[in-house]
Amino acid sequence: MFRTLRPVFSLLLGIGFLLTGHGLQFTLLPLSGEASGFDTVMLGLLGSSYYVGFVAGCLLGPYVILRAGHIRTFAAMISAAAVLVLCHSLMRDPLVWNGLRAMSGFSLATLYLVIESWLNDRASNTTRGTVMSAYIVVNFAAFTAGQMMVSLYPVTAIAPFVLAAILISLATLPVALTSAAQPAPISLVRFRPRRLFATAPVAFVGAFMIGVSNGAFWALGAVFATGIGLSVEQAALFVSATVAGGALGQWPVGRLSDRIDRRIVLAMLLVGSTMAGLALGLLTVGTELLMLMGFVFGVLTLPGYSLAAAHAYDKTATGEYVETAAGVLLLNGLGSVCGPLIAAFAMAQGGPHALFLVTATVQVLLFVFIVVRIRVRSGTATADKTGFSSASTAPMGTVIPPGTDERPAFAGHATAATAPKPGRPAAG
């Protein structure tokens, strides 16, 4: 494994620094905004603003890279991301913060594109699975580590913002000093939502609705925790426990979906995540049990995007994976724009527990749609499935290098497979 990862070690190290700083910032900002007097709706708008910028980065980032190249784009976006973190500490105005969050989303989406296209370019068909699995592990580990750092300093102090900026800035060093050649130019793809809906309606609706639910949690999960009386340290632990559950749930859920209809597996997850959300939204429990409930919620909720993406690839013809991956990711991003706002208004009226009542409602609606679709059309035969890969369907997927006809890729921020065996496309 060491020999396989050696060519991309500097990139993985840079990713580790970047996402540690990003994880710290992602948890710090809602807690700091809340401590600074921002109301719940404004905190939700902060989450939505980030995803607006992220979607814009998915669409426009490729043009930045085509113009400036991978290394210059990486250095510029790292610089922008670090500066934007520091600006939050200097100007505690909610409208200014929304603008900063949108620009941060754009920077991170573009950085994902640079990093992931570079990783894919360094990997061969035989090593891509190991490389991308290592990338996913670094993603989850670094992001969780960053979240836990929020307890090191008071959330209203400048120190945590400085620490986040330092960590993000450090990501430049291993990448800028690497002797590896830049990857081949990225390719641009179209987004045709009508075609995606006709091909895989469950994936289409699922990606959007899961974005609504998960986007609400990412933006306001820490606010829920402090709203019910947890300390900043406990809030960070609660969010981290949920992320850890989601990370551990990816592989067994995906493997199960290789054996039976992915729509059925997703429906089963939705039933479980609805129950977990209702428990979090309706019950008052001790801190230890709350952490366990958060972990279970993560196991049942966060792999949903992966199943929706994998289902879309099952229905996609060879040569069209790039377009499908782009569509699924953008729909998820658009849902993530809506989710924090919906949840924020609900929490403003019903208190912090309303966050999980919103996620449960969204999941019930998606469950009903999936049941209808299962009754209308049969699932994909096992032999025709592409084969689940956590590295190919996680929200932080990868970009296929030009000229590769594998599952799947996105010029903005998508996914790749190790040894795909695409089946015949079929609507579902």
Protein backbone atom coordinates (compact mmCIF):
# COMPACT_ATOMS: atom_id res chain seq x y z
CA MET A 1 0.00 0.00 0.00
CA PHE A 2 2.85 2.40 0.80
CA ARG A 3 4.24 2.07 -2.73
CA THR A 4 0.77 2.72 -4.14
CA LEU A 5 0.21 5.84 -2.05
CA ARG A 6 3.73 7.24 -2.29
CA PRO A 7 3.09 9.19 -5.55
CA VAL A 8 0.09 10.94 -3.95
CA PHE A 9 1.36 11.30 -0.39
CA SER A 10 1.96 15.04 -0.71
CA LEU A 11 -1.55 15.54 -2.04
CA LEU A 12 -3.07 13.48 0.77
CA LEU A 13 -1.06 15.47 3.31
CA GLY A 14 -2.30 18.72 1.78
CA ILE A 15 -5.87 17.41 1.90
CA GLY A 16 -5.41 16.55 5.57
CA PHE A 17 -4.39 20.10 6.46
CA LEU A 18 -7.11 21.64 4.30
CA LEU A 19 -9.97 19.56 5.67
CA THR A 20 -8.84 19.83 9.27
CA GLY A 21 -9.05 23.60 8.95
CA HIS A 22 -12.30 23.32 7.01
CA GLY A 23 -13.84 21.00 9.60
CA LEU A 24 -12.90 23.41 12.37
CA GLN A 25 -14.43 26.30 10.45
CA PHE A 26 -17.60 24.38 9.57
CA THR A 27 -18.42 23.76 13.24
CA LEU A 28 -16.99 27.02 14.56
CA LEU A 29 -19.02 29.43 12.44
CA PRO A 30 -22.56 28.50 13.54
CA LEU A 31 -21.44 28.31 17.18
CA SER A 32 -19.60 31.62 16.96
CA GLY A 33 -22.51 33.24 15.12
CA GLU A 34 -24.94 32.01 17.76
CA ALA A 35 -22.71 33.37 20.53
CA SER A 36 -22.52 36.69 18.67
CA GLY A 37 -26.29 37.04 18.65
CA PHE A 38 -27.21 35.76 15.18
CA ASP A 39 -30.75 34.40 15.16
CA THR A 40 -31.53 30.86 13.99
CA VAL A 41 -32.76 31.93 10.57
CA MET A 42 -29.54 33.81 9.92
CA LEU A 43 -27.53 30.76 11.00
CA GLY A 44 -29.49 28.66 8.53
CA LEU A 45 -28.84 31.22 5.82
CA LEU A 46 -25.10 30.86 6.51
CA GLY A 47 -25.36 27.17 5.68
CA SER A 48 -27.37 27.86 2.54
CA SER A 49 -24.89 30.52 1.41
CA TYR A 50 -22.04 28.03 1.63
CA TYR A 51 -23.87 25.57 -0.62
CA VAL A 52 -24.82 28.31 -3.08
CA GLY A 53 -21.11 29.00 -3.46
CA PHE A 54 -20.34 25.30 -3.65
CA VAL A 55 -22.79 24.77 -6.51
CA ALA A 56 -21.33 27.79 -8.28
CA GLY A 57 -17.86 26.29 -7.83
CA CYS A 58 -19.01 23.02 -9.37
CA LEU A 59 -20.26 24.92 -12.42
CA LEU A 60 -17.58 27.58 -12.81
CA GLY A 61 -14.51 26.06 -11.14
CA PRO A 62 -13.53 24.03 -14.23
CA TYR A 63 -13.18 27.24 -16.22
CA VAL A 64 -10.85 28.68 -13.58
CA ILE A 65 -8.64 25.58 -13.80
CA LEU A 66 -8.64 25.59 -17.59
CA ARG A 67 -7.45 29.19 -17.49
CA ALA A 68 -4.84 29.07 -14.71
CA GLY A 69 -3.84 25.40 -14.40
CA HIS A 70 -4.07 23.11 -11.40
CA ILE A 71 -1.18 24.39 -9.28
CA ARG A 72 -1.99 28.10 -9.65
CA THR A 73 -5.67 27.44 -9.04
CA PHE A 74 -4.88 25.39 -5.96
CA ALA A 75 -2.63 28.11 -4.52
CA ALA A 76 -5.18 30.83 -5.27
CA MET A 77 -8.11 28.96 -3.74
CA ILE A 78 -6.12 28.03 -0.62
CA SER A 79 -5.15 31.67 -0.20
CA ALA A 80 -8.75 32.76 -0.65
CA ALA A 81 -10.07 30.13 1.77
CA ALA A 82 -7.58 31.16 4.48
CA VAL A 83 -8.28 34.87 4.04
CA LEU A 84 -12.03 34.29 4.15
CA VAL A 85 -11.73 32.49 7.50
CA LEU A 86 -9.84 35.43 8.98
CA CYS A 87 -12.36 37.91 7.61
CA HIS A 88 -15.06 36.23 9.68
CA SER A 89 -13.19 37.15 12.84
CA LEU A 90 -12.78 40.79 11.78
CA MET A 91 -16.34 41.54 10.66
CA ARG A 92 -19.08 39.97 12.78
CA ASP A 93 -21.94 41.10 10.60
CA PRO A 94 -24.39 38.40 9.47
CA LEU A 95 -24.75 39.79 5.95
CA VAL A 96 -20.97 39.97 5.53
CA TRP A 97 -20.65 36.42 6.84
CA ASN A 98 -23.15 35.19 4.27
CA GLY A 99 -21.08 36.65 1.47
CA LEU A 100 -17.93 35.14 2.94
CA ARG A 101 -19.58 31.73 3.24
CA ALA A 102 -20.63 31.79 -0.41
CA MET A 103 -17.08 32.58 -1.46
CA SER A 104 -15.78 29.83 0.84
CA GLY A 105 -18.12 27.34 -0.84
CA PHE A 106 -16.80 28.33 -4.24
CA SER A 107 -13.19 27.97 -3.08
CA LEU A 108 -13.75 24.54 -1.54
CA ALA A 109 -15.59 23.18 -4.57
CA THR A 110 -12.77 24.30 -6.84
CA LEU A 111 -10.17 22.85 -4.48
CA TYR A 112 -11.97 19.50 -4.45
CA LEU A 113 -11.87 19.53 -8.23
CA VAL A 114 -8.14 20.24 -8.35
CA ILE A 115 -7.25 17.64 -5.72
CA GLU A 116 -9.47 14.90 -7.03
CA SER A 117 -8.52 15.25 -10.67
CA TRP A 118 -4.89 15.18 -9.58
CA LEU A 119 -5.40 12.03 -7.51
CA ASN A 120 -7.11 10.27 -10.39
CA ASP A 121 -4.39 11.29 -12.78
CA ARG A 122 -1.75 9.79 -10.47
CA ALA A 123 -3.70 6.54 -10.05
CA SER A 124 -3.97 3.69 -12.53
CA ASN A 125 -6.98 1.41 -12.99
CA THR A 126 -5.34 -1.12 -10.66
CA THR A 127 -4.44 1.37 -7.90
CA ARG A 128 -7.40 3.77 -8.11
CA GLY A 129 -9.43 1.88 -5.51
CA THR A 130 -6.65 2.06 -2.92
CA VAL A 131 -5.90 5.69 -3.68
CA MET A 132 -9.50 6.84 -3.51
CA SER A 133 -10.23 4.78 -0.39
CA ALA A 134 -7.26 6.45 1.30
CA TYR A 135 -8.65 9.79 0.16
CA ILE A 136 -12.06 9.07 1.71
CA VAL A 137 -10.42 8.00 5.00
CA VAL A 138 -8.36 11.21 5.08
CA ASN A 139 -11.52 13.22 4.38
CA PHE A 140 -13.50 11.80 7.25
CA ALA A 141 -10.58 11.70 9.70
CA ALA A 142 -9.37 15.24 9.02
CA PHE A 143 -12.84 16.76 9.03
CA THR A 144 -13.66 15.08 12.35
CA ALA A 145 -10.36 16.16 13.88
CA GLY A 146 -11.06 19.74 12.84
CA GLN A 147 -14.51 19.64 14.40
CA MET A 148 -13.07 18.53 17.72
CA MET A 149 -10.61 21.45 17.72
CA VAL A 150 -13.47 23.88 18.21
CA SER A 151 -13.20 23.24 21.95
CA LEU A 152 -9.61 24.53 22.15
CA TYR A 153 -10.57 28.20 22.33
CA PRO A 154 -13.68 30.29 23.08
CA VAL A 155 -15.80 30.41 19.93
CA THR A 156 -16.00 34.22 20.10
CA ALA A 157 -12.21 34.64 20.23
CA ILE A 158 -10.03 35.28 17.20
CA ALA A 159 -7.75 32.32 18.02
CA PRO A 160 -9.88 29.51 16.47
CA PHE A 161 -10.24 31.50 13.25
CA VAL A 162 -6.48 31.99 13.13
CA LEU A 163 -5.92 28.28 13.77
CA ALA A 164 -8.31 27.33 10.95
CA ALA A 165 -6.55 29.74 8.59
CA ILE A 166 -3.14 28.34 9.54
CA LEU A 167 -4.25 24.77 8.88
CA ILE A 168 -5.76 25.67 5.53
CA SER A 169 -2.65 27.64 4.53
CA LEU A 170 -0.40 24.67 5.38
CA ALA A 171 -2.15 22.68 2.67
CA THR A 172 -0.20 24.69 0.09
CA LEU A 173 3.24 23.48 1.19
CA PRO A 174 3.19 19.77 0.26
CA VAL A 175 1.30 20.43 -2.97
CA ALA A 176 3.39 23.37 -4.14
CA LEU A 177 6.65 21.52 -3.43
CA THR A 178 5.66 18.27 -5.09
CA SER A 179 7.62 17.21 -8.15
CA ALA A 180 4.62 15.43 -9.64
CA ALA A 181 3.40 16.68 -13.00
CA GLN A 182 0.06 18.44 -13.27
CA PRO A 183 -2.86 16.27 -14.37
CA ALA A 184 -4.31 16.40 -17.85
CA PRO A 185 -6.84 19.17 -18.56
CA ILE A 186 -10.31 18.50 -17.17
CA SER A 187 -13.33 17.96 -19.36
CA LEU A 188 -16.61 19.89 -19.19
CA VAL A 189 -20.00 18.21 -19.05
CA ARG A 190 -23.64 19.16 -19.51
CA PHE A 191 -26.38 18.95 -16.94
CA ARG A 192 -29.67 17.72 -18.42
CA PRO A 193 -32.10 17.31 -15.51
CA ARG A 194 -35.02 16.04 -17.63
CA ARG A 195 -32.92 13.25 -19.02
CA LEU A 196 -31.63 12.28 -15.58
CA PHE A 197 -35.16 12.21 -14.18
CA ALA A 198 -36.37 10.05 -17.05
CA THR A 199 -33.45 7.66 -16.56
CA ALA A 200 -33.39 7.39 -12.76
CA PRO A 201 -36.21 9.28 -11.03
CA VAL A 202 -35.36 7.84 -7.59
CA ALA A 203 -31.78 9.05 -7.91
CA PHE A 204 -32.97 12.46 -9.14
CA VAL A 205 -35.48 13.07 -6.35
CA GLY A 206 -33.35 11.22 -3.80
CA ALA A 207 -30.24 13.32 -4.40
CA PHE A 208 -32.23 16.54 -3.95
CA MET A 209 -34.22 15.43 -0.90
CA ILE A 210 -31.17 13.92 0.79
CA GLY A 211 -29.42 17.24 0.18
CA VAL A 212 -32.28 19.01 1.97
CA SER A 213 -32.05 16.69 4.96
CA ASN A 214 -28.29 16.38 5.24
CA GLY A 215 -27.66 20.04 4.40
CA ALA A 216 -29.92 21.04 7.30
CA PHE A 217 -27.96 18.82 9.67
CA TRP A 218 -24.53 20.00 8.49
CA ALA A 219 -25.52 23.64 8.89
CA LEU A 220 -27.45 23.44 12.17
CA GLY A 221 -26.45 20.22 13.95
CA ALA A 222 -24.10 22.06 16.30
CA VAL A 223 -26.73 24.76 16.91
CA PHE A 224 -29.22 22.05 17.90
CA ALA A 225 -26.69 20.63 20.37
CA THR A 226 -26.00 23.94 22.11
CA GLY A 227 -29.69 24.82 21.95
CA ILE A 228 -30.58 21.83 24.14
CA GLY A 229 -27.95 22.76 26.69
CA LEU A 230 -24.76 21.02 25.58
CA SER A 231 -21.42 22.76 25.90
CA VAL A 232 -19.33 23.67 22.86
CA GLU A 233 -17.16 20.60 23.47
CA GLN A 234 -20.20 18.33 23.69
CA ALA A 235 -21.71 19.90 20.57
CA ALA A 236 -18.54 19.15 18.63
CA LEU A 237 -18.56 15.59 19.94
CA PHE A 238 -22.21 15.13 18.92
CA VAL A 239 -21.57 16.26 15.36
CA SER A 240 -18.40 14.17 15.18
CA ALA A 241 -20.25 11.09 16.43
CA THR A 242 -22.78 11.53 13.63
CA VAL A 243 -20.04 11.88 11.03
CA ALA A 244 -18.29 8.78 12.39
CA GLY A 245 -21.54 6.84 12.12
CA GLY A 246 -21.99 7.95 8.53
CA ALA A 247 -18.44 6.93 7.66
CA LEU A 248 -18.81 3.46 9.18
CA GLY A 249 -22.20 2.93 7.58
CA GLN A 250 -21.07 3.53 4.01
CA TRP A 251 -19.46 0.17 3.25
CA PRO A 252 -22.00 -2.33 4.72
CA VAL A 253 -24.93 -0.36 3.33
CA GLY A 254 -23.32 -0.24 -0.10
CA ARG A 255 -22.52 -3.94 -0.13
CA LEU A 256 -26.06 -4.81 0.87
CA SER A 257 -27.34 -2.67 -2.00
CA ASP A 258 -25.19 -4.72 -4.42
CA ARG A 259 -27.30 -7.77 -3.54
CA ILE A 260 -30.82 -6.35 -3.48
CA ASP A 261 -32.62 -3.43 -5.09
CA ARG A 262 -30.83 -0.24 -4.02
CA ARG A 263 -34.19 1.51 -3.79
CA ILE A 264 -35.31 -0.99 -1.16
CA VAL A 265 -32.12 -0.47 0.83
CA LEU A 266 -32.58 3.29 0.63
CA ALA A 267 -36.21 2.96 1.73
CA MET A 268 -35.11 0.84 4.69
CA LEU A 269 -32.54 3.47 5.65
CA LEU A 270 -35.18 6.17 5.42
CA VAL A 271 -37.43 4.30 7.84
CA GLY A 272 -34.56 3.93 10.30
CA SER A 273 -33.33 7.52 9.91
CA THR A 274 -36.88 8.83 10.33
CA MET A 275 -37.20 6.93 13.60
CA ALA A 276 -33.78 8.15 14.74
CA GLY A 277 -34.68 11.72 13.81
CA LEU A 278 -37.99 11.54 15.66
CA ALA A 279 -36.19 10.19 18.71
CA LEU A 280 -33.74 13.11 18.60
CA GLY A 281 -36.55 15.56 18.00
CA LEU A 282 -39.01 14.34 20.61
CA LEU A 283 -37.04 12.73 23.44
CA THR A 284 -35.03 14.35 26.21
CA VAL A 285 -32.13 12.07 27.11
CA GLY A 286 -28.77 12.16 28.85
CA THR A 287 -25.60 13.25 27.10
CA GLU A 288 -24.18 9.74 26.61
CA LEU A 289 -27.38 8.42 25.09
CA LEU A 290 -27.64 11.52 22.90
CA MET A 291 -24.19 10.81 21.49
CA LEU A 292 -25.20 7.24 20.73
CA MET A 293 -28.39 8.43 19.07
CA GLY A 294 -26.35 10.85 16.96
CA PHE A 295 -24.07 7.99 15.90
CA VAL A 296 -27.07 5.86 14.91
CA PHE A 297 -28.60 8.79 13.04
CA GLY A 298 -25.36 9.14 11.08
CA VAL A 299 -25.24 5.43 10.22
CA LEU A 300 -28.79 5.52 8.87
CA THR A 301 -28.82 8.96 7.25
CA LEU A 302 -25.49 9.95 5.74
CA PRO A 303 -25.06 6.93 3.38
CA GLY A 304 -28.28 7.93 1.60
CA TYR A 305 -26.49 10.06 -0.98
CA SER A 306 -24.19 7.18 -1.82
CA LEU A 307 -27.14 4.91 -2.57
CA ALA A 308 -28.85 7.52 -4.71
CA ALA A 309 -25.63 8.05 -6.68
CA ALA A 310 -25.02 4.32 -7.11
CA HIS A 311 -28.60 3.82 -8.30
CA ALA A 312 -28.10 6.56 -10.89
CA TYR A 313 -24.97 4.86 -12.22
CA ASP A 314 -26.82 1.54 -12.48
CA LYS A 315 -29.21 3.23 -14.91
CA THR A 316 -26.58 5.06 -16.93
CA ALA A 317 -25.21 3.92 -20.26
CA THR A 318 -21.46 3.59 -20.77
CA GLY A 319 -19.99 6.92 -21.78
CA GLU A 320 -22.58 8.98 -19.87
CA TYR A 321 -21.29 8.53 -16.32
CA VAL A 322 -19.71 11.98 -16.28
CA GLU A 323 -23.01 13.69 -17.01
CA THR A 324 -24.89 11.55 -14.49
CA ALA A 325 -22.38 12.25 -11.72
CA ALA A 326 -22.57 15.98 -12.44
CA GLY A 327 -26.36 15.93 -12.28
CA VAL A 328 -26.58 13.93 -9.05
CA LEU A 329 -24.04 16.13 -7.30
CA LEU A 330 -25.64 19.39 -8.41
CA LEU A 331 -29.08 18.21 -7.33
CA ASN A 332 -27.65 17.30 -3.94
CA GLY A 333 -26.05 20.73 -3.72
CA LEU A 334 -29.30 22.49 -4.61
CA GLY A 335 -31.10 20.50 -1.93
CA SER A 336 -28.40 21.51 0.54
CA VAL A 337 -29.14 25.15 -0.27
CA CYS A 338 -32.80 24.70 0.67
CA GLY A 339 -32.40 22.47 3.72
CA PRO A 340 -30.73 24.89 6.16
CA LEU A 341 -33.28 27.62 5.45
CA ILE A 342 -36.26 25.30 5.94
CA ALA A 343 -34.82 23.90 9.16
CA ALA A 344 -33.85 27.35 10.45
CA PHE A 345 -37.40 28.68 10.10
CA ALA A 346 -38.73 25.55 11.81
CA MET A 347 -36.24 25.89 14.67
CA ALA A 348 -37.09 29.56 15.08
CA GLN A 349 -40.73 28.59 15.63
CA GLY A 350 -40.42 25.23 17.37
CA GLY A 351 -37.06 25.25 19.11
CA PRO A 352 -33.84 23.28 18.41
CA HIS A 353 -35.58 19.88 18.30
CA ALA A 354 -37.44 21.00 15.17
CA LEU A 355 -34.27 20.34 13.17
CA PHE A 356 -34.79 16.59 13.34
CA LEU A 357 -38.53 16.88 12.82
CA VAL A 358 -37.71 18.58 9.51
CA THR A 359 -35.26 15.84 8.51
CA ALA A 360 -37.81 13.18 9.45
CA THR A 361 -40.49 14.87 7.35
CA VAL A 362 -38.21 15.04 4.33
CA GLN A 363 -37.28 11.39 4.73
CA VAL A 364 -40.92 10.30 4.96
CA LEU A 365 -41.74 12.17 1.74
CA LEU A 366 -38.80 10.53 -0.04
CA PHE A 367 -39.81 7.11 1.32
CA VAL A 368 -43.31 7.49 -0.14
CA PHE A 369 -41.87 8.45 -3.53
CA ILE A 370 -39.53 5.44 -3.54
CA VAL A 371 -42.35 3.05 -2.63
CA VAL A 372 -44.39 4.38 -5.55
CA ARG A 373 -41.44 3.94 -7.93
CA ILE A 374 -40.80 0.38 -6.72
CA ARG A 375 -44.40 -0.49 -7.49
CA VAL A 376 -44.16 1.08 -10.95
CA ARG A 377 -40.88 -0.45 -12.15
CA SER A 378 -38.74 -3.40 -11.17
CA GLY A 379 -35.19 -2.94 -9.97
CA THR A 380 -31.92 -3.51 -11.77
CA ALA A 381 -30.75 -7.11 -11.95
CA THR A 382 -27.76 -7.86 -9.74
CA ALA A 383 -25.64 -8.85 -12.74
CA ASP A 384 -26.30 -5.46 -14.34
CA LYS A 385 -25.28 -3.35 -11.38
CA THR A 386 -22.07 -1.37 -11.51
CA GLY A 387 -20.87 -2.54 -8.10
CA PHE A 388 -20.82 -0.25 -5.08
CA SER A 389 -17.63 1.55 -4.08
CA SER A 390 -17.49 3.93 -1.13
CA ALA A 391 -14.79 5.83 -2.98
CA SER A 392 -17.05 6.25 -6.00
CA THR A 393 -20.27 7.35 -4.34
CA ALA A 394 -19.30 9.30 -1.24
CA PRO A 395 -20.19 13.01 -1.41
CA MET A 396 -16.51 13.83 -1.74
CA GLY A 397 -15.98 11.71 -4.85
CA THR A 398 -13.41 12.05 -7.55
CA VAL A 399 -12.89 13.27 -11.05
CA ILE A 400 -12.15 10.91 -13.92
CA PRO A 401 -9.24 12.00 -16.15
CA PRO A 402 -10.08 12.72 -19.78
CA GLY A 403 -10.21 9.72 -22.06
CA THR A 404 -11.24 7.30 -19.32
CA ASP A 405 -14.52 5.49 -19.83
CA GLU A 406 -15.19 4.50 -16.24
CA ARG A 407 -17.85 5.11 -13.64
CA PRO A 408 -18.19 8.04 -12.98
CA ALA A 409 -16.64 11.50 -13.26
CA PHE A 410 -17.52 15.15 -12.96
CA ALA A 411 -15.65 18.18 -14.13
CA GLY A 412 -16.73 19.98 -10.98
CA HIS A 413 -16.62 17.43 -8.14
CA ALA A 414 -17.83 13.90 -8.58
CA THR A 415 -16.79 10.27 -8.45
CA ALA A 416 -14.80 7.41 -9.95
CA ALA A 417 -14.76 3.64 -9.83
CA THR A 418 -12.01 1.12 -9.58
CA ALA A 419 -13.09 -1.76 -11.82
CA PRO A 420 -16.53 -0.93 -13.17
CA LYS A 421 -18.73 -3.43 -14.94
CA PRO A 422 -21.49 -1.22 -16.25
CA GLY A 423 -24.79 -2.88 -16.93
CA ARG A 424 -27.50 -2.06 -19.39
CA PRO A 425 -29.25 1.26 -18.72
CA ALA A 426 -32.81 0.94 -17.50
CA ALA A 427 -35.23 3.47 -16.18
CA GLY A 428 -36.20 3.15 -12.53
